[in-house]
Amino acid sequence: MGVNNNTDFFRGVGEGAMTSTATPVHRGRSQQVWLVETFGDEDGRLVARGQVRIHNLYPE
């Protein structure tokens, strides 16, 4: 379940492929924090950078 999401958008991309990479910052028992960077356009420049905090839910 998402707890917090903060994303900065640096430039727009009208068309073409984009690639996102997620890197774990913290992976705990109850929560995780991930850094997500998205690259796009013809030069492969950074388009957006975000951080998301996720609360782990376990089935009973």
PDB file of N, CA and C in Angstrom:
ATOM      1  N   MET A   1       0.849  -1.139   0.000  1.00  0.00           N
ATOM      2  CA  MET A   1       0.000   0.000   0.000  1.00  0.00           C
ATOM      3  C   MET A   1       0.912   1.224   0.000  1.00  0.00           C
ATOM      4  N   GLY A   2       0.641   2.175  -0.884  1.00  0.00           N
ATOM      5  CA  GLY A   2       1.439   3.394  -0.953  1.00  0.00           C
ATOM      6  C   GLY A   2       1.149   4.325   0.210  1.00  0.00           C
ATOM      7  N   VAL A   3       2.201   4.800   0.872  1.00  0.00           N
ATOM      8  CA  VAL A   3       2.065   5.706   2.007  1.00  0.00           C
ATOM      9  C   VAL A   3       2.399   7.133   1.583  1.00  0.00           C
ATOM     10  N   ASN A   4       3.437   7.290   0.775  1.00  0.00           N
ATOM     11  CA  ASN A   4       3.857   8.622   0.338  1.00  0.00           C
ATOM     12  C   ASN A   4       4.508   8.503  -1.035  1.00  0.00           C
ATOM     13  N   ASN A   5       4.221   9.474  -1.909  1.00  0.00           N
ATOM     14  CA  ASN A   5       4.830   9.527  -3.231  1.00  0.00           C
ATOM     15  C   ASN A   5       5.162  10.984  -3.521  1.00  0.00           C
ATOM     16  N   ASN A   6       6.427  11.253  -3.833  1.00  0.00           N
ATOM     17  CA  ASN A   6       6.864  12.603  -4.169  1.00  0.00           C
ATOM     18  C   ASN A   6       7.670  12.517  -5.457  1.00  0.00           C
ATOM     19  N   THR A   7       7.188  13.186  -6.508  1.00  0.00           N
ATOM     20  CA  THR A   7       7.842  13.107  -7.812  1.00  0.00           C
ATOM     21  C   THR A   7       8.117  14.502  -8.347  1.00  0.00           C
ATOM     22  N   ASP A   8       9.321  14.720  -8.855  1.00  0.00           N
ATOM     23  CA  ASP A   8       9.696  15.958  -9.540  1.00  0.00           C
ATOM     24  C   ASP A   8       9.777  15.654 -11.030  1.00  0.00           C
ATOM     25  N   PHE A   9       9.093  16.477 -11.847  1.00  0.00           N
ATOM     26  CA  PHE A   9       9.119  16.337 -13.301  1.00  0.00           C
ATOM     27  C   PHE A   9      10.001  17.444 -13.862  1.00  0.00           C
ATOM     28  N   PHE A  10      11.006  17.059 -14.652  1.00  0.00           N
ATOM     29  CA  PHE A  10      11.992  18.013 -15.148  1.00  0.00           C
ATOM     30  C   PHE A  10      11.728  18.494 -16.564  1.00  0.00           C
ATOM     31  N   ARG A  11      11.152  17.644 -17.404  1.00  0.00           N
ATOM     32  CA  ARG A  11      10.873  18.032 -18.788  1.00  0.00           C
ATOM     33  C   ARG A  11       9.781  17.136 -19.344  1.00  0.00           C
ATOM     34  N   GLY A  12       9.083  17.639 -20.335  1.00  0.00           N
ATOM     35  CA  GLY A  12       8.035  16.868 -20.988  1.00  0.00           C
ATOM     36  C   GLY A  12       8.595  16.049 -22.136  1.00  0.00           C
ATOM     37  N   VAL A  13       7.925  14.946 -22.419  1.00  0.00           N
ATOM     38  CA  VAL A  13       8.284  14.091 -23.548  1.00  0.00           C
ATOM     39  C   VAL A  13       7.012  13.847 -24.338  1.00  0.00           C
ATOM     40  N   GLY A  14       7.012  14.224 -25.616  1.00  0.00           N
ATOM     41  CA  GLY A  14       5.820  14.091 -26.437  1.00  0.00           C
ATOM     42  C   GLY A  14       5.632  12.719 -27.042  1.00  0.00           C
ATOM     43  N   GLU A  15       6.712  12.028 -27.316  1.00  0.00           N
ATOM     44  CA  GLU A  15       6.616  10.700 -27.915  1.00  0.00           C
ATOM     45  C   GLU A  15       7.930   9.967 -27.722  1.00  0.00           C
ATOM     46  N   GLY A  16       7.898   8.667 -28.010  1.00  0.00           N
ATOM     47  CA  GLY A  16       9.091   7.841 -27.893  1.00  0.00           C
ATOM     48  C   GLY A  16       9.098   7.035 -26.601  1.00  0.00           C
ATOM     49  N   ALA A  17      10.068   6.176 -26.499  1.00  0.00           N
ATOM     50  CA  ALA A  17      10.183   5.279 -25.351  1.00  0.00           C
ATOM     51  C   ALA A  17      10.835   5.986 -24.168  1.00  0.00           C
ATOM     52  N   MET A  18      10.398   5.608 -22.985  1.00  0.00           N
ATOM     53  CA  MET A  18      11.014   6.079 -21.750  1.00  0.00           C
ATOM     54  C   MET A  18      11.376   4.854 -20.917  1.00  0.00           C
ATOM     55  N   THR A  19      12.388   5.002 -20.080  1.00  0.00           N
ATOM     56  CA  THR A  19      12.844   3.908 -19.227  1.00  0.00           C
ATOM     57  C   THR A  19      12.886   4.382 -17.790  1.00  0.00           C
ATOM     58  N   SER A  20      12.303   3.575 -16.887  1.00  0.00           N
ATOM     59  CA  SER A  20      12.345   3.891 -15.457  1.00  0.00           C
ATOM     60  C   SER A  20      13.172   2.852 -14.723  1.00  0.00           C
ATOM     61  N   THR A  21      13.935   3.324 -13.741  1.00  0.00           N
ATOM     62  CA  THR A  21      14.751   2.458 -12.905  1.00  0.00           C
ATOM     63  C   THR A  21      14.387   2.709 -11.452  1.00  0.00           C
ATOM     64  N   ALA A  22      14.064   1.644 -10.732  1.00  0.00           N
ATOM     65  CA  ALA A  22      13.730   1.745  -9.308  1.00  0.00           C
ATOM     66  C   ALA A  22      14.876   1.166  -8.488  1.00  0.00           C
ATOM     67  N   THR A  23      15.353   1.941  -7.521  1.00  0.00           N
ATOM     68  CA  THR A  23      16.459   1.529  -6.663  1.00  0.00           C
ATOM     69  C   THR A  23      15.988   1.542  -5.215  1.00  0.00           C
ATOM     70  N   PRO A  24      16.151   0.426  -4.499  1.00  0.00           N
ATOM     71  CA  PRO A  24      15.712   0.418  -3.102  1.00  0.00           C
ATOM     72  C   PRO A  24      16.608   1.302  -2.237  1.00  0.00           C
ATOM     73  N   VAL A  25      15.988   2.135  -1.414  1.00  0.00           N
ATOM     74  CA  VAL A  25      16.706   2.959  -0.448  1.00  0.00           C
ATOM     75  C   VAL A  25      16.656   2.283   0.915  1.00  0.00           C
ATOM     76  N   HIS A  26      15.489   1.713   1.242  1.00  0.00           N
ATOM     77  CA  HIS A  26      15.292   1.000   2.512  1.00  0.00           C
ATOM     78  C   HIS A  26      14.261  -0.095   2.278  1.00  0.00           C
ATOM     79  N   ARG A  27      14.590  -1.319   2.690  1.00  0.00           N
ATOM     80  CA  ARG A  27      13.643  -2.427   2.601  1.00  0.00           C
ATOM     81  C   ARG A  27      13.526  -3.066   3.974  1.00  0.00           C
ATOM     82  N   GLY A  28      12.570  -2.568   4.746  1.00  0.00           N
ATOM     83  CA  GLY A  28      12.357  -3.092   6.084  1.00  0.00           C
ATOM     84  C   GLY A  28      11.221  -4.094   6.121  1.00  0.00           C
ATOM     85  N   ARG A  29      10.950  -4.595   7.312  1.00  0.00           N
ATOM     86  CA  ARG A  29       9.889  -5.589   7.474  1.00  0.00           C
ATOM     87  C   ARG A  29       8.511  -4.994   7.225  1.00  0.00           C
ATOM     88  N   SER A  30       8.294  -3.757   7.660  1.00  0.00           N
ATOM     89  CA  SER A  30       6.962  -3.167   7.524  1.00  0.00           C
ATOM     90  C   SER A  30       6.871  -2.095   6.433  1.00  0.00           C
ATOM     91  N   GLN A  31       7.993  -1.481   6.036  1.00  0.00           N
ATOM     92  CA  GLN A  31       7.947  -0.448   5.004  1.00  0.00           C
ATOM     93  C   GLN A  31       9.163  -0.524   4.091  1.00  0.00           C
ATOM     94  N   GLN A  32       8.969   0.007   2.886  1.00  0.00           N
ATOM     95  CA  GLN A  32      10.044   0.102   1.903  1.00  0.00           C
ATOM     96  C   GLN A  32      10.066   1.518   1.336  1.00  0.00           C
ATOM     97  N   VAL A  33      11.258   1.992   0.973  1.00  0.00           N
ATOM     98  CA  VAL A  33      11.406   3.279   0.291  1.00  0.00           C
ATOM     99  C   VAL A  33      12.200   3.025  -0.990  1.00  0.00           C
ATOM    100  N   TRP A  34      11.670   3.528  -2.103  1.00  0.00           N
ATOM    101  CA  TRP A  34      12.300   3.330  -3.401  1.00  0.00           C
ATOM    102  C   TRP A  34      12.528   4.674  -4.084  1.00  0.00           C
ATOM    103  N   LEU A  35      13.667   4.805  -4.756  1.00  0.00           N
ATOM    104  CA  LEU A  35      13.983   5.955  -5.605  1.00  0.00           C
ATOM    105  C   LEU A  35      13.714   5.526  -7.042  1.00  0.00           C
ATOM    106  N   VAL A  36      12.907   6.294  -7.778  1.00  0.00           N
ATOM    107  CA  VAL A  36      12.552   5.955  -9.157  1.00  0.00           C
ATOM    108  C   VAL A  36      12.994   7.088 -10.074  1.00  0.00           C
ATOM    109  N   GLU A  37      13.810   6.754 -11.066  1.00  0.00           N
ATOM    110  CA  GLU A  37      14.267   7.735 -12.050  1.00  0.00           C
ATOM    111  C   GLU A  37      13.772   7.311 -13.427  1.00  0.00           C
ATOM    112  N   THR A  38      13.230   8.280 -14.172  1.00  0.00           N
ATOM    113  CA  THR A  38      12.711   8.009 -15.507  1.00  0.00           C
ATOM    114  C   THR A  38      13.516   8.820 -16.528  1.00  0.00           C
ATOM    115  N   PHE A  39      14.022   8.116 -17.526  1.00  0.00           N
ATOM    116  CA  PHE A  39      14.816   8.728 -18.588  1.00  0.00           C
ATOM    117  C   PHE A  39      14.044   8.632 -19.891  1.00  0.00           C
ATOM    118  N   GLY A  40      14.179   9.654 -20.737  1.00  0.00           N
ATOM    119  CA  GLY A  40      13.471   9.631 -22.003  1.00  0.00           C
ATOM    120  C   GLY A  40      14.112  10.562 -22.999  1.00  0.00           C
ATOM    121  N   ASP A  41      13.413  10.889 -24.020  1.00  0.00           N
ATOM    122  CA  ASP A  41      13.785  11.698 -25.171  1.00  0.00           C
ATOM    123  C   ASP A  41      14.973  11.103 -25.908  1.00  0.00           C
ATOM    124  N   GLU A  42      15.331  11.706 -27.007  1.00  0.00           N
ATOM    125  CA  GLU A  42      16.368  11.134 -27.872  1.00  0.00           C
ATOM    126  C   GLU A  42      17.758  11.141 -27.242  1.00  0.00           C
ATOM    127  N   ASP A  43      17.988  12.005 -26.252  1.00  0.00           N
ATOM    128  CA  ASP A  43      19.300  12.080 -25.610  1.00  0.00           C
ATOM    129  C   ASP A  43      19.384  11.256 -24.335  1.00  0.00           C
ATOM    130  N   GLY A  44      18.292  10.614 -23.927  1.00  0.00           N
ATOM    131  CA  GLY A  44      18.297   9.804 -22.714  1.00  0.00           C
ATOM    132  C   GLY A  44      18.420  10.636 -21.450  1.00  0.00           C
ATOM    133  N   ARG A  45      17.927  11.870 -21.490  1.00  0.00           N
ATOM    134  CA  ARG A  45      18.033  12.750 -20.320  1.00  0.00           C
ATOM    135  C   ARG A  45      17.020  12.372 -19.242  1.00  0.00           C
ATOM    136  N   LEU A  46      17.326  12.782 -18.025  1.00  0.00           N
ATOM    137  CA  LEU A  46      16.441  12.540 -16.896  1.00  0.00           C
ATOM    138  C   LEU A  46      15.160  13.346 -17.078  1.00  0.00           C
ATOM    139  N   VAL A  47      14.017  12.673 -17.042  1.00  0.00           N
ATOM    140  CA  VAL A  47      12.715  13.296 -17.243  1.00  0.00           C
ATOM    141  C   VAL A  47      12.020  13.538 -15.905  1.00  0.00           C
ATOM    142  N   ALA A  48      12.116  12.556 -14.997  1.00  0.00           N
ATOM    143  CA  ALA A  48      11.456  12.669 -13.699  1.00  0.00           C
ATOM    144  C   ALA A  48      12.220  11.853 -12.667  1.00  0.00           C
ATOM    145  N   ARG A  49      12.089  12.275 -11.415  1.00  0.00           N
ATOM    146  CA  ARG A  49      12.742  11.575 -10.306  1.00  0.00           C
ATOM    147  C   ARG A  49      11.764  11.582  -9.141  1.00  0.00           C
ATOM    148  N   GLY A  50      11.524  10.415  -8.563  1.00  0.00           N
ATOM    149  CA  GLY A  50      10.568  10.335  -7.472  1.00  0.00           C
ATOM    150  C   GLY A  50      11.019   9.391  -6.384  1.00  0.00           C
ATOM    151  N   GLN A  51      10.351   9.517  -5.260  1.00  0.00           N
ATOM    152  CA  GLN A  51      10.596   8.613  -4.134  1.00  0.00           C
ATOM    153  C   GLN A  51       9.238   8.156  -3.627  1.00  0.00           C
ATOM    154  N   VAL A  52       9.105   6.865  -3.403  1.00  0.00           N
ATOM    155  CA  VAL A  52       7.844   6.306  -2.940  1.00  0.00           C
ATOM    156  C   VAL A  52       8.093   5.465  -1.686  1.00  0.00           C
ATOM    157  N   ARG A  53       7.200   5.628  -0.692  1.00  0.00           N
ATOM    158  CA  ARG A  53       7.241   4.824   0.529  1.00  0.00           C
ATOM    159  C   ARG A  53       6.050   3.877   0.488  1.00  0.00           C
ATOM    160  N   ILE A  54       6.309   2.594   0.676  1.00  0.00           N
ATOM    161  CA  ILE A  54       5.298   1.550   0.588  1.00  0.00           C
ATOM    162  C   ILE A  54       5.208   0.827   1.924  1.00  0.00           C
ATOM    163  N   HIS A  55       3.978   0.614   2.391  1.00  0.00           N
ATOM    164  CA  HIS A  55       3.755  -0.171   3.604  1.00  0.00           C
ATOM    165  C   HIS A  55       3.459  -1.605   3.187  1.00  0.00           C
ATOM    166  N   ASN A  56       4.199  -2.559   3.740  1.00  0.00           N
ATOM    167  CA  ASN A  56       4.022  -3.968   3.401  1.00  0.00           C
ATOM    168  C   ASN A  56       2.796  -4.532   4.106  1.00  0.00           C
ATOM    169  N   LEU A  57       1.909  -5.163   3.358  1.00  0.00           N
ATOM    170  CA  LEU A  57       0.759  -5.840   3.919  1.00  0.00           C
ATOM    171  C   LEU A  57       0.957  -7.346   3.773  1.00  0.00           C
ATOM    172  N   TYR A  58       0.713  -8.068   4.832  1.00  0.00           N
ATOM    173  CA  TYR A  58       0.859  -9.506   4.816  1.00  0.00           C
ATOM    174  C   TYR A  58      -0.513 -10.152   4.992  1.00  0.00           C
ATOM    175  N   PRO A  59      -0.839 -11.152   4.153  1.00  0.00           N
ATOM    176  CA  PRO A  59      -2.146 -11.832   4.294  1.00  0.00           C
ATOM    177  C   PRO A  59      -2.210 -12.587   5.617  1.00  0.00           C
ATOM    178  N   GLU A  60      -3.402 -12.642   6.156  1.00  0.00           N
ATOM    179  CA  GLU A  60      -3.575 -13.352   7.441  1.00  0.00           C
ATOM    180  C   GLU A  60      -3.728 -14.833   7.234  1.00  0.00           C
TER     181      GLU A  60
END
